[in-house]
Amino acid sequence: MGVEQAPTEKGKQAAEGLRQETLKEERKVEAETGHDLKKGEDRFEERSKSSDGQSAGAKQED
């Protein structure tokens, strides 16, 4: 859930905290690997393939 969609103030704070931690972790991984992580559709496809070697489209065809 995004920060804007959270129904309560506590939920908005939790969502923002999660977003900040995710950004921090992303920067750490990028620094360790020496390159930027893929974003958006490219990242979805990369994660899909890394789980079992098949693209998302190939999984739907099965």
Protein backbone atom coordinates (compact mmCIF):
# COMPACT_ATOMS: atom_id res chain seq x y z
CA MET A 1 0.00 0.00 0.00
CA GLY A 2 1.32 3.42 -0.84
CA VAL A 3 1.72 6.26 1.57
CA GLU A 4 -1.16 8.19 0.00
CA GLN A 5 -3.59 5.25 0.12
CA ALA A 6 -3.09 4.40 3.80
CA PRO A 7 -6.36 5.03 5.64
CA THR A 8 -4.82 6.13 8.96
CA GLU A 9 -1.94 8.34 10.03
CA LYS A 10 -0.25 5.34 11.65
CA GLY A 11 -0.57 3.44 8.36
CA LYS A 12 0.93 6.37 6.43
CA GLN A 13 3.89 6.49 8.81
CA ALA A 14 4.41 2.73 8.47
CA ALA A 15 4.24 2.90 4.67
CA GLU A 16 6.74 5.78 4.59
CA GLY A 17 9.09 3.92 6.92
CA LEU A 18 8.93 0.84 4.70
CA ARG A 19 9.60 2.96 1.62
CA GLN A 20 12.64 4.56 3.26
CA GLU A 21 14.05 1.19 4.38
CA THR A 22 13.54 -0.22 0.89
CA LEU A 23 15.43 2.70 -0.66
CA LYS A 24 18.26 2.29 1.85
CA GLU A 25 18.51 -1.45 1.15
CA GLU A 26 18.45 -0.81 -2.61
CA ARG A 27 21.32 1.68 -2.33
CA LYS A 28 23.30 -0.81 -0.23
CA VAL A 29 22.85 -3.61 -2.76
CA GLU A 30 23.71 -1.29 -5.66
CA ALA A 31 26.90 -0.22 -3.88
CA GLU A 32 27.88 -3.82 -3.17
CA THR A 33 27.26 -5.01 -6.73
CA GLY A 34 28.71 -1.94 -8.42
CA HIS A 35 25.70 -1.36 -10.66
CA ASP A 36 22.15 -0.08 -10.39
CA LEU A 37 19.32 -2.52 -9.84
CA LYS A 38 16.87 -2.77 -12.70
CA LYS A 39 13.63 -0.87 -12.18
CA GLY A 40 10.04 -1.32 -13.31
CA GLU A 41 9.22 -3.88 -15.98
CA ASP A 42 12.87 -4.91 -16.44
CA ARG A 43 13.14 -5.73 -12.74
CA PHE A 44 9.89 -7.72 -12.80
CA GLU A 45 11.19 -9.82 -15.67
CA GLU A 46 14.60 -10.29 -14.01
CA ARG A 47 13.00 -11.47 -10.74
CA SER A 48 10.62 -13.76 -12.59
CA LYS A 49 13.49 -15.43 -14.42
CA SER A 50 15.69 -15.70 -11.35
CA SER A 51 13.05 -17.66 -9.45
CA ASP A 52 12.89 -20.57 -11.88
CA GLY A 53 14.58 -19.58 -15.14
CA GLN A 54 11.34 -18.88 -17.03
CA SER A 55 10.01 -15.51 -18.08
CA ALA A 56 6.57 -14.40 -16.88
CA GLY A 57 5.14 -14.93 -20.37
CA ALA A 58 6.45 -18.49 -20.55
CA LYS A 59 4.89 -19.28 -17.18
CA GLN A 60 1.47 -18.15 -18.41
CA GLU A 61 1.71 -20.37 -21.49
CA ASP A 62 2.16 -23.51 -19.37
